[in-house]
Amino acid sequence: ALKFNGLMDCENVIKFPVQHSGKKVIALVTFFLKLTDQIPSQKLFNLYQEFYLKKEAIQKFLEHLNLTRYFNPIDLLTCTEVEVLLYMREDSRCKAVAKHFGVTVATASNHISRIQGKLLAPFNVHEVLHKLRAIPMNEQGSYGYVL
């Protein structure tokens, strides 16, 4: 689902009937299981790309991850740079990035340098990666209420 601010939110809704002694349903207990945090970042980015044009998808995705304050809004990351940044969450070594994307180390280094160049002062790529790593990957929250 798209929230009012244009960010994505994935939930599973489960409803259980509450019956009166006469077998009549008098209420519904509704549970909302948050699934957004269980979606891998790359897949979430792909979802944003399905709903928005490229630049807006990147902006909304960065907003979703609370990373907009780190990057220059005029010189936005490209899709490739977002994908490199997401992979760097797992392994930030230039050789690992090159191997993962099937490019030379020089090309991977160039992508990383361009990402660094698009960061606003005083931030650096390591701060962004630290922030990315702090985002829960597999936490599931739930809440419920009676209607």
N, C-alpha and C. Protein backbone atom coordinates (compact mmCIF):
# COMPACT_ATOMS: atom_id res chain seq x y z
N ALA A 1 0.84 -1.18 0.00
CA ALA A 1 0.00 0.00 0.00
C ALA A 1 0.88 1.24 0.00
N LEU A 2 0.40 2.30 -0.61
CA LEU A 2 1.08 3.58 -0.55
C LEU A 2 0.43 4.39 0.55
N LYS A 3 1.25 4.92 1.46
CA LYS A 3 0.74 5.76 2.53
C LYS A 3 0.48 7.16 1.97
N PHE A 4 -0.10 8.02 2.76
CA PHE A 4 -0.46 9.37 2.33
C PHE A 4 0.74 10.17 1.84
N ASN A 5 1.95 9.86 2.35
CA ASN A 5 3.15 10.59 1.95
C ASN A 5 3.86 9.95 0.76
N GLY A 6 3.26 8.91 0.19
CA GLY A 6 3.81 8.27 -0.99
C GLY A 6 4.80 7.15 -0.69
N LEU A 7 5.02 6.85 0.59
CA LEU A 7 5.93 5.76 0.96
C LEU A 7 5.16 4.45 1.02
N MET A 8 5.86 3.35 0.82
CA MET A 8 5.23 2.04 0.78
C MET A 8 5.16 1.43 2.18
N ASP A 9 4.10 0.67 2.38
CA ASP A 9 3.91 -0.03 3.64
C ASP A 9 3.24 -1.36 3.31
N CYS A 10 3.85 -2.45 3.69
CA CYS A 10 3.30 -3.78 3.41
C CYS A 10 2.82 -4.40 4.72
N GLU A 11 1.59 -4.88 4.71
CA GLU A 11 0.99 -5.49 5.90
C GLU A 11 0.18 -6.71 5.50
N ASN A 12 0.04 -7.60 6.45
CA ASN A 12 -0.88 -8.72 6.32
C ASN A 12 -1.97 -8.48 7.36
N VAL A 13 -3.22 -8.47 6.93
CA VAL A 13 -4.33 -8.21 7.84
C VAL A 13 -5.05 -9.53 8.11
N ILE A 14 -5.21 -9.85 9.40
CA ILE A 14 -5.91 -11.07 9.80
C ILE A 14 -7.07 -10.66 10.70
N LYS A 15 -8.26 -11.16 10.40
CA LYS A 15 -9.45 -10.83 11.19
C LYS A 15 -10.04 -12.10 11.78
N PHE A 16 -10.38 -12.02 13.07
CA PHE A 16 -11.02 -13.12 13.77
C PHE A 16 -12.36 -12.64 14.31
N PRO A 17 -13.45 -13.40 14.06
CA PRO A 17 -14.75 -12.99 14.60
C PRO A 17 -14.84 -13.28 16.10
N VAL A 18 -15.51 -12.38 16.82
CA VAL A 18 -15.81 -12.58 18.24
C VAL A 18 -17.32 -12.81 18.30
N GLN A 19 -17.70 -13.99 18.83
CA GLN A 19 -19.11 -14.36 18.81
C GLN A 19 -19.75 -14.19 20.19
N HIS A 20 -21.01 -13.81 20.16
CA HIS A 20 -21.84 -13.73 21.36
C HIS A 20 -22.30 -15.14 21.68
N SER A 21 -22.84 -15.35 22.84
CA SER A 21 -23.28 -16.70 23.22
C SER A 21 -24.30 -17.28 22.24
N GLY A 22 -25.01 -16.44 21.52
CA GLY A 22 -25.99 -16.91 20.53
C GLY A 22 -25.37 -17.14 19.17
N LYS A 23 -24.05 -17.25 19.10
CA LYS A 23 -23.30 -17.49 17.86
C LYS A 23 -23.35 -16.31 16.89
N LYS A 24 -23.81 -15.17 17.38
CA LYS A 24 -23.85 -13.98 16.54
C LYS A 24 -22.51 -13.25 16.68
N VAL A 25 -21.95 -12.82 15.55
CA VAL A 25 -20.68 -12.10 15.56
C VAL A 25 -20.95 -10.70 16.09
N ILE A 26 -20.25 -10.34 17.17
CA ILE A 26 -20.46 -9.03 17.77
C ILE A 26 -19.26 -8.09 17.56
N ALA A 27 -18.14 -8.66 17.13
CA ALA A 27 -16.96 -7.83 16.90
C ALA A 27 -15.96 -8.61 16.06
N LEU A 28 -14.98 -7.90 15.56
CA LEU A 28 -13.88 -8.52 14.84
C LEU A 28 -12.58 -8.09 15.52
N VAL A 29 -11.73 -9.05 15.79
CA VAL A 29 -10.38 -8.74 16.27
C VAL A 29 -9.51 -8.72 15.02
N THR A 30 -8.86 -7.60 14.82
CA THR A 30 -8.05 -7.42 13.61
C THR A 30 -6.60 -7.25 13.98
N PHE A 31 -5.74 -8.03 13.36
CA PHE A 31 -4.30 -7.94 13.57
C PHE A 31 -3.64 -7.47 12.29
N PHE A 32 -2.74 -6.52 12.44
CA PHE A 32 -1.96 -6.03 11.31
C PHE A 32 -0.52 -6.48 11.52
N LEU A 33 -0.02 -7.31 10.65
CA LEU A 33 1.36 -7.77 10.73
C LEU A 33 2.18 -6.96 9.74
N LYS A 34 3.11 -6.16 10.27
CA LYS A 34 3.96 -5.35 9.39
C LYS A 34 4.94 -6.25 8.67
N LEU A 35 4.96 -6.14 7.37
CA LEU A 35 5.85 -6.97 6.55
C LEU A 35 6.93 -6.15 5.85
N THR A 36 6.83 -4.84 5.90
CA THR A 36 7.76 -3.98 5.17
C THR A 36 9.20 -4.27 5.55
N ASP A 37 9.48 -4.46 6.84
CA ASP A 37 10.85 -4.69 7.28
C ASP A 37 11.39 -6.05 6.86
N GLN A 38 10.49 -6.95 6.41
CA GLN A 38 10.93 -8.27 5.97
C GLN A 38 11.29 -8.30 4.50
N ILE A 39 10.97 -7.25 3.78
CA ILE A 39 11.28 -7.19 2.36
C ILE A 39 12.73 -6.75 2.20
N PRO A 40 13.54 -7.50 1.48
CA PRO A 40 14.92 -7.08 1.25
C PRO A 40 14.96 -5.70 0.59
N SER A 41 15.96 -4.91 0.95
CA SER A 41 16.06 -3.53 0.46
C SER A 41 16.02 -3.46 -1.06
N GLN A 42 16.70 -4.37 -1.74
CA GLN A 42 16.71 -4.34 -3.21
C GLN A 42 15.31 -4.56 -3.77
N LYS A 43 14.56 -5.49 -3.18
CA LYS A 43 13.20 -5.76 -3.65
C LYS A 43 12.30 -4.56 -3.37
N LEU A 44 12.48 -3.92 -2.22
CA LEU A 44 11.71 -2.72 -1.89
C LEU A 44 12.01 -1.61 -2.89
N PHE A 45 13.28 -1.46 -3.24
CA PHE A 45 13.66 -0.46 -4.24
C PHE A 45 13.00 -0.77 -5.57
N ASN A 46 12.96 -2.05 -5.94
CA ASN A 46 12.30 -2.45 -7.19
C ASN A 46 10.81 -2.10 -7.16
N LEU A 47 10.16 -2.27 -6.00
CA LEU A 47 8.74 -1.91 -5.87
C LEU A 47 8.54 -0.41 -6.10
N TYR A 48 9.42 0.39 -5.51
CA TYR A 48 9.32 1.84 -5.72
C TYR A 48 9.48 2.18 -7.20
N GLN A 49 10.35 1.45 -7.89
CA GLN A 49 10.55 1.71 -9.32
C GLN A 49 9.34 1.31 -10.16
N GLU A 50 8.54 0.37 -9.66
CA GLU A 50 7.32 -0.02 -10.38
C GLU A 50 6.23 1.04 -10.27
N PHE A 51 6.20 1.78 -9.15
CA PHE A 51 5.14 2.76 -8.92
C PHE A 51 5.50 4.19 -9.33
N TYR A 52 6.79 4.49 -9.39
CA TYR A 52 7.22 5.85 -9.68
C TYR A 52 8.21 5.87 -10.84
N LEU A 53 8.35 7.03 -11.45
CA LEU A 53 9.41 7.24 -12.43
C LEU A 53 10.74 7.19 -11.69
N LYS A 54 11.85 6.98 -12.42
CA LYS A 54 13.15 6.72 -11.80
C LYS A 54 13.55 7.71 -10.71
N LYS A 55 13.58 8.99 -11.03
CA LYS A 55 14.05 9.98 -10.06
C LYS A 55 13.17 10.02 -8.82
N GLU A 56 11.87 9.96 -9.02
CA GLU A 56 10.96 9.99 -7.88
C GLU A 56 11.06 8.69 -7.08
N ALA A 57 11.26 7.56 -7.76
CA ALA A 57 11.43 6.28 -7.07
C ALA A 57 12.65 6.32 -6.16
N ILE A 58 13.74 6.87 -6.67
CA ILE A 58 14.97 6.98 -5.87
C ILE A 58 14.73 7.89 -4.68
N GLN A 59 14.09 9.04 -4.91
CA GLN A 59 13.82 9.99 -3.83
C GLN A 59 12.93 9.37 -2.75
N LYS A 60 11.86 8.70 -3.16
CA LYS A 60 10.94 8.07 -2.21
C LYS A 60 11.62 6.93 -1.45
N PHE A 61 12.45 6.17 -2.15
CA PHE A 61 13.17 5.08 -1.50
C PHE A 61 14.14 5.61 -0.44
N LEU A 62 14.88 6.66 -0.79
CA LEU A 62 15.79 7.27 0.19
C LEU A 62 15.01 7.85 1.37
N GLU A 63 13.85 8.41 1.07
CA GLU A 63 12.99 8.94 2.14
C GLU A 63 12.51 7.80 3.03
N HIS A 64 12.13 6.68 2.41
CA HIS A 64 11.67 5.50 3.16
C HIS A 64 12.74 5.04 4.15
N LEU A 65 13.99 5.08 3.72
CA LEU A 65 15.10 4.64 4.58
C LEU A 65 15.66 5.75 5.46
N ASN A 66 15.03 6.92 5.43
CA ASN A 66 15.49 8.09 6.19
C ASN A 66 16.91 8.50 5.82
N LEU A 67 17.21 8.49 4.53
CA LEU A 67 18.54 8.84 4.05
C LEU A 67 18.57 10.14 3.24
N THR A 68 17.44 10.81 3.10
CA THR A 68 17.41 12.00 2.25
C THR A 68 18.33 13.11 2.74
N ARG A 69 18.51 13.23 4.03
CA ARG A 69 19.35 14.32 4.56
C ARG A 69 20.83 14.13 4.24
N TYR A 70 21.22 12.94 3.84
CA TYR A 70 22.62 12.65 3.53
C TYR A 70 23.01 13.05 2.11
N PHE A 71 22.03 13.09 1.21
CA PHE A 71 22.35 13.26 -0.21
C PHE A 71 21.86 14.59 -0.77
N ASN A 72 22.58 15.06 -1.76
CA ASN A 72 22.25 16.29 -2.45
C ASN A 72 20.98 16.05 -3.29
N PRO A 73 19.89 16.77 -3.01
CA PRO A 73 18.65 16.54 -3.76
C PRO A 73 18.74 17.00 -5.22
N ILE A 74 19.68 17.87 -5.53
CA ILE A 74 19.85 18.36 -6.91
C ILE A 74 20.58 17.32 -7.76
N ASP A 75 21.58 16.68 -7.17
CA ASP A 75 22.39 15.67 -7.87
C ASP A 75 22.08 14.31 -7.25
N LEU A 76 20.90 13.79 -7.56
CA LEU A 76 20.40 12.55 -6.96
C LEU A 76 21.19 11.33 -7.44
N LEU A 77 21.23 10.31 -6.61
CA LEU A 77 21.85 9.05 -7.00
C LEU A 77 21.14 8.46 -8.21
N THR A 78 21.86 7.67 -8.99
CA THR A 78 21.26 6.92 -10.09
C THR A 78 20.79 5.58 -9.54
N CYS A 79 20.02 4.85 -10.34
CA CYS A 79 19.57 3.51 -9.92
C CYS A 79 20.75 2.60 -9.64
N THR A 80 21.76 2.64 -10.49
CA THR A 80 22.95 1.82 -10.29
C THR A 80 23.66 2.18 -8.99
N GLU A 81 23.76 3.46 -8.72
CA GLU A 81 24.42 3.90 -7.48
C GLU A 81 23.64 3.45 -6.25
N VAL A 82 22.31 3.47 -6.32
CA VAL A 82 21.49 2.97 -5.21
C VAL A 82 21.75 1.48 -5.02
N GLU A 83 21.80 0.73 -6.11
CA GLU A 83 22.04 -0.71 -6.02
C GLU A 83 23.43 -1.00 -5.45
N VAL A 84 24.43 -0.22 -5.85
CA VAL A 84 25.78 -0.39 -5.30
C VAL A 84 25.77 -0.08 -3.81
N LEU A 85 25.10 1.00 -3.42
CA LEU A 85 25.02 1.38 -2.01
C LEU A 85 24.34 0.28 -1.20
N LEU A 86 23.26 -0.29 -1.73
CA LEU A 86 22.56 -1.36 -1.02
C LEU A 86 23.44 -2.59 -0.88
N TYR A 87 24.20 -2.92 -1.92
CA TYR A 87 25.09 -4.07 -1.80
C TYR A 87 26.20 -3.79 -0.78
N MET A 88 26.66 -2.55 -0.75
CA MET A 88 27.73 -2.19 0.18
C MET A 88 27.30 -2.36 1.63
N ARG A 89 25.99 -2.44 1.86
CA ARG A 89 25.49 -2.74 3.20
C ARG A 89 26.00 -4.10 3.65
N GLU A 90 26.09 -5.02 2.70
CA GLU A 90 26.56 -6.38 3.00
C GLU A 90 28.08 -6.46 3.02
N ASP A 91 28.72 -5.84 2.04
CA ASP A 91 30.18 -5.90 1.94
C ASP A 91 30.65 -4.65 1.20
N SER A 92 31.32 -3.78 1.91
CA SER A 92 31.69 -2.48 1.33
C SER A 92 33.06 -2.49 0.63
N ARG A 93 33.69 -3.65 0.57
CA ARG A 93 34.98 -3.71 -0.12
C ARG A 93 34.78 -3.54 -1.63
N CYS A 94 35.65 -2.76 -2.22
CA CYS A 94 35.56 -2.45 -3.65
C CYS A 94 35.62 -3.72 -4.50
N LYS A 95 36.50 -4.66 -4.12
CA LYS A 95 36.61 -5.91 -4.87
C LYS A 95 35.31 -6.71 -4.80
N ALA A 96 34.67 -6.72 -3.63
CA ALA A 96 33.42 -7.46 -3.47
C ALA A 96 32.31 -6.84 -4.31
N VAL A 97 32.26 -5.51 -4.35
CA VAL A 97 31.27 -4.81 -5.17
C VAL A 97 31.49 -5.14 -6.64
N ALA A 98 32.74 -5.11 -7.07
CA ALA A 98 33.08 -5.41 -8.46
C ALA A 98 32.65 -6.84 -8.82
N LYS A 99 32.96 -7.78 -7.95
CA LYS A 99 32.61 -9.18 -8.21
C LYS A 99 31.10 -9.36 -8.27
N HIS A 100 30.39 -8.75 -7.33
CA HIS A 100 28.92 -8.89 -7.27
C HIS A 100 28.25 -8.37 -8.54
N PHE A 101 28.71 -7.24 -9.05
CA PHE A 101 28.09 -6.62 -10.22
C PHE A 101 28.75 -7.03 -11.53
N GLY A 102 29.80 -7.84 -11.46
CA GLY A 102 30.47 -8.32 -12.67
C GLY A 102 31.16 -7.21 -13.44
N VAL A 103 31.78 -6.29 -12.70
CA VAL A 103 32.50 -5.17 -13.32
C VAL A 103 33.93 -5.17 -12.80
N THR A 104 34.77 -4.32 -13.38
CA THR A 104 36.14 -4.22 -12.92
C THR A 104 36.19 -3.48 -11.58
N VAL A 105 37.29 -3.64 -10.89
CA VAL A 105 37.49 -2.93 -9.62
C VAL A 105 37.48 -1.42 -9.86
N ALA A 106 38.05 -1.00 -10.98
CA ALA A 106 38.07 0.43 -11.31
C ALA A 106 36.65 0.97 -11.49
N THR A 107 35.78 0.21 -12.14
CA THR A 107 34.39 0.64 -12.33
C THR A 107 33.66 0.70 -10.99
N ALA A 108 33.86 -0.31 -10.15
CA ALA A 108 33.24 -0.31 -8.82
C ALA A 108 33.73 0.88 -8.01
N SER A 109 35.01 1.15 -8.09
CA SER A 109 35.60 2.30 -7.38
C SER A 109 34.99 3.61 -7.89
N ASN A 110 34.75 3.68 -9.19
CA ASN A 110 34.14 4.86 -9.79
C ASN A 110 32.72 5.07 -9.26
N HIS A 111 31.93 3.99 -9.16
CA HIS A 111 30.57 4.08 -8.61
C HIS A 111 30.61 4.58 -7.17
N ILE A 112 31.51 4.02 -6.39
CA ILE A 112 31.62 4.40 -4.98
C ILE A 112 32.04 5.86 -4.85
N SER A 113 32.96 6.29 -5.70
CA SER A 113 33.40 7.69 -5.69
C SER A 113 32.26 8.64 -6.05
N ARG A 114 31.43 8.24 -7.03
CA ARG A 114 30.29 9.08 -7.41
C ARG A 114 29.27 9.17 -6.28
N ILE A 115 29.07 8.05 -5.58
CA ILE A 115 28.17 8.06 -4.42
C ILE A 115 28.71 9.04 -3.38
N GLN A 116 30.00 8.92 -3.08
CA GLN A 116 30.64 9.80 -2.10
C GLN A 116 30.51 11.27 -2.53
N GLY A 117 30.65 11.53 -3.81
CA GLY A 117 30.56 12.90 -4.32
C GLY A 117 29.17 13.50 -4.23
N LYS A 118 28.15 12.66 -4.12
CA LYS A 118 26.77 13.14 -4.04
C LYS A 118 26.30 13.32 -2.60
N LEU A 119 27.16 12.97 -1.66
CA LEU A 119 26.82 13.16 -0.25
C LEU A 119 27.01 14.62 0.14
N LEU A 120 26.15 15.08 1.01
CA LEU A 120 26.28 16.44 1.53
C LEU A 120 27.34 16.45 2.63
N ALA A 121 28.07 17.55 2.74
CA ALA A 121 29.05 17.70 3.82
C ALA A 121 28.27 17.76 5.13
N PRO A 122 28.70 17.20 6.17
CA PRO A 122 29.97 16.57 6.47
C PRO A 122 29.89 15.04 6.40
N PHE A 123 28.91 14.48 5.71
CA PHE A 123 28.69 13.04 5.72
C PHE A 123 29.65 12.32 4.78
N ASN A 124 29.85 11.02 5.09
CA ASN A 124 30.64 10.17 4.20
C ASN A 124 29.91 8.84 4.01
N VAL A 125 30.39 8.04 3.10
CA VAL A 125 29.73 6.79 2.75
C VAL A 125 29.65 5.84 3.96
N HIS A 126 30.63 5.87 4.82
CA HIS A 126 30.62 4.97 5.98
C HIS A 126 29.49 5.31 6.94
N GLU A 127 29.16 6.58 7.08
CA GLU A 127 28.03 6.98 7.93
C GLU A 127 26.71 6.48 7.34
N VAL A 128 26.57 6.58 6.02
CA VAL A 128 25.36 6.10 5.37
C VAL A 128 25.25 4.59 5.51
N LEU A 129 26.35 3.88 5.33
CA LEU A 129 26.34 2.42 5.49
C LEU A 129 26.01 2.04 6.93
N HIS A 130 26.52 2.79 7.88
CA HIS A 130 26.21 2.54 9.29
C HIS A 130 24.70 2.71 9.53
N LYS A 131 24.13 3.75 8.93
CA LYS A 131 22.69 4.00 9.05
C LYS A 131 21.91 2.87 8.37
N LEU A 132 22.35 2.44 7.20
CA LEU A 132 21.68 1.34 6.50
C LEU A 132 21.73 0.05 7.30
N ARG A 133 22.86 -0.22 7.90
CA ARG A 133 22.99 -1.46 8.68
C ARG A 133 22.13 -1.44 9.93
N ALA A 134 21.79 -0.24 10.42
CA ALA A 134 20.96 -0.11 11.62
C ALA A 134 19.48 -0.34 11.32
N ILE A 135 19.10 -0.34 10.03
CA ILE A 135 17.71 -0.56 9.66
C ILE A 135 17.41 -2.05 9.81
N PRO A 136 16.38 -2.41 10.59
CA PRO A 136 16.09 -3.83 10.79
C PRO A 136 15.79 -4.53 9.48
N MET A 137 16.32 -5.74 9.34
CA MET A 137 16.10 -6.49 8.11
C MET A 137 14.97 -7.49 8.26
N ASN A 138 14.85 -8.11 9.42
CA ASN A 138 13.85 -9.17 9.56
C ASN A 138 13.04 -9.06 10.84
N GLU A 139 12.78 -7.85 11.29
CA GLU A 139 11.93 -7.69 12.46
C GLU A 139 10.49 -7.61 12.00
N GLN A 140 9.63 -8.26 12.72
CA GLN A 140 8.22 -8.20 12.37
C GLN A 140 7.47 -7.62 13.55
N GLY A 141 6.75 -6.56 13.31
CA GLY A 141 5.94 -5.95 14.34
C GLY A 141 4.48 -6.26 14.07
N SER A 142 3.68 -6.29 15.12
CA SER A 142 2.25 -6.50 14.92
C SER A 142 1.49 -5.69 15.95
N TYR A 143 0.28 -5.37 15.61
CA TYR A 143 -0.60 -4.69 16.53
C TYR A 143 -2.01 -5.08 16.16
N GLY A 144 -2.92 -4.95 17.09
CA GLY A 144 -4.29 -5.35 16.79
C GLY A 144 -5.29 -4.49 17.52
N TYR A 145 -6.52 -4.54 17.07
CA TYR A 145 -7.59 -3.85 17.76
C TYR A 145 -8.91 -4.53 17.46
N VAL A 146 -9.92 -4.23 18.27
CA VAL A 146 -11.23 -4.83 18.10
C VAL A 146 -12.16 -3.82 17.43
N LEU A 147 -12.85 -4.26 16.39
CA LEU A 147 -13.84 -3.40 15.72
C LEU A 147 -15.22 -3.66 16.27
